[in-house]
C-alpha atoms as a PDB file:
ATOM      1  CA  MET A   1     106.316-117.578 112.022  1.00  0.00           C
ATOM      2  CA  ALA A   2     106.121-117.462 108.253  1.00  0.00           C
ATOM      3  CA  GLU A   3     105.251-114.224 106.566  1.00  0.00           C
ATOM      4  CA  HIS A   4     101.684-113.985 105.228  1.00  0.00           C
ATOM      5  CA  THR A   5     101.534-114.605 101.487  1.00  0.00           C
ATOM      6  CA  GLU A   6      98.821-114.500  98.865  1.00  0.00           C
ATOM      7  CA  PRO A   7      98.471-117.443  96.464  1.00  0.00           C
ATOM      8  CA  ASN A   8      99.222-116.619  92.844  1.00  0.00           C
ATOM      9  CA  ARG A   9      96.946-117.363  89.880  1.00  0.00           C
ATOM     10  CA  ASP A  10      98.666-120.696  89.129  1.00  0.00           C
ATOM     11  CA  THR A  11      98.187-121.906  92.699  1.00  0.00           C
ATOM     12  CA  LEU A  12      94.534-120.939  92.731  1.00  0.00           C
ATOM     13  CA  ALA A  13      93.970-122.681  89.395  1.00  0.00           C
ATOM     14  CA  GLU A  14      95.659-125.879  90.619  1.00  0.00           C
ATOM     15  CA  GLU A  15      93.634-125.865  93.840  1.00  0.00           C
ATOM     16  CA  GLN A  16      90.461-125.562  91.771  1.00  0.00           C
ATOM     17  CA  VAL A  17      91.484-128.590  89.692  1.00  0.00           C
ATOM     18  CA  GLU A  18      92.351-130.633  92.811  1.00  0.00           C
ATOM     19  CA  SER A  19      89.077-129.772  94.516  1.00  0.00           C
ATOM     20  CA  GLY A  20      87.215-131.794  91.904  1.00  0.00           C
ATOM     21  CA  ALA A  21      89.485-134.829  92.167  1.00  0.00           C
ATOM     22  CA  ARG A  22      88.133-138.106  93.505  1.00  0.00           C
ATOM     23  CA  HIS A  23      89.393-139.059  96.923  1.00  0.00           C
ATOM     24  CA  GLY A  24      90.310-142.484  98.201  1.00  0.00           C
ATOM     25  CA  ALA A  25      92.753-145.192  97.298  1.00  0.00           C
ATOM     26  CA  PRO A  26      94.507-144.385  94.044  1.00  0.00           C
ATOM     27  CA  GLN A  27      94.495-147.967  92.792  1.00  0.00           C
ATOM     28  CA  ARG A  28      93.447-151.493  93.601  1.00  0.00           C
ATOM     29  CA  PRO A  29      95.986-153.714  95.388  1.00  0.00           C
ATOM     30  CA  THR A  30      98.330-155.706  93.202  1.00  0.00           C
ATOM     31  CA  ALA A  31      98.109-159.495  93.186  1.00  0.00           C
ATOM     32  CA  ASP A  32     101.206-159.665  95.427  1.00  0.00           C
ATOM     33  CA  GLN A  33      99.687-157.202  97.907  1.00  0.00           C
ATOM     34  CA  ALA A  34      96.408-159.127  97.996  1.00  0.00           C
ATOM     35  CA  ARG A  35      98.242-162.423  98.636  1.00  0.00           C
ATOM     36  CA  ALA A  36     100.320-160.822 101.409  1.00  0.00           C
ATOM     37  CA  ALA A  37      97.208-159.435 103.072  1.00  0.00           C
ATOM     38  CA  GLU A  38      95.436-162.781 102.913  1.00  0.00           C
ATOM     39  CA  SER A  39      98.428-164.677 104.308  1.00  0.00           C
ATOM     40  CA  ALA A  40      98.801-162.186 107.184  1.00  0.00           C
ATOM     41  CA  THR A  41      95.264-162.807 108.443  1.00  0.00           C
ATOM     42  CA  GLY A  42      96.348-166.171 109.853  1.00  0.00           C
ATOM     43  CA  ASP A  43      98.812-164.392 112.169  1.00  0.00           C
ATOM     44  CA  VAL A  44      96.067-162.384 113.884  1.00  0.00           C
ATOM     45  CA  ASP A  45      93.998-163.656 116.805  1.00  0.00           C
ATOM     46  CA  ASP A  46      90.566-162.118 116.251  1.00  0.00           C
ATOM     47  CA  ASP A  47      89.592-162.519 119.916  1.00  0.00           C
ATOM     48  CA  ASP A  48      92.684-160.604 121.073  1.00  0.00           C
ATOM     49  CA  VAL A  49      91.992-157.834 118.583  1.00  0.00           C
ATOM     50  CA  ARG A  50      88.343-157.614 119.643  1.00  0.00           C
ATOM     51  CA  THR A  51      89.251-157.476 123.351  1.00  0.00           C
ATOM     52  CA  HIS A  52      91.924-154.842 122.798  1.00  0.00           C
ATOM     53  CA  TYR A  53      89.561-152.715 120.690  1.00  0.00           C
ATOM     54  CA  GLN A  54      86.845-152.878 123.347  1.00  0.00           C
ATOM     55  CA  ASP A  55      89.325-152.021 126.136  1.00  0.00           C
ATOM     56  CA  MET A  56      90.649-149.003 124.247  1.00  0.00           C
ATOM     57  CA  ALA A  57      87.133-147.813 123.338  1.00  0.00           C
ATOM     58  CA  GLU A  58      86.099-147.958 126.996  1.00  0.00           C
ATOM     59  CA  LYS A  59      89.274-146.215 128.113  1.00  0.00           C
ATOM     60  CA  GLY A  60      88.753-143.488 125.507  1.00  0.00           C
ATOM     61  CA  ALA A  61      85.147-142.990 126.570  1.00  0.00           C
ATOM     62  CA  ARG A  62      86.306-142.220 130.127  1.00  0.00           C
ATOM     63  CA  VAL A  63      88.917-139.619 129.132  1.00  0.00           C
ATOM     64  CA  LYS A  64      88.017-136.101 130.174  1.00  0.00           C
ATOM     65  CA  GLY A  65      89.418-133.377 127.935  1.00  0.00           C
ATOM     66  CA  GLU A  66      92.087-133.643 125.291  1.00  0.00           C
ATOM     67  CA  GLY A  67      95.372-135.388 125.915  1.00  0.00           C
ATOM     68  CA  GLN A  68      94.557-136.880 129.312  1.00  0.00           C
ATOM     69  CA  ILE A  69      96.450-140.033 130.083  1.00  0.00           C
ATOM     70  CA  PRO A  70      94.145-142.357 132.048  1.00  0.00           C
END
């Protein structure tokens, strides 16, 4: 296990700066990324995705405790 350390003044100052930073995506998708995302939607069967999501949500709701494999 790593030895306990105390953060120095520079670390504390940087953490203070970062704590005020906005969170989320750093930028909007590029035109190429947007086109790729739009073209990929045709490869997805919405009904299959919906069914799989519902099955996994039900399976997860029945799990007792952490890490149980149903």
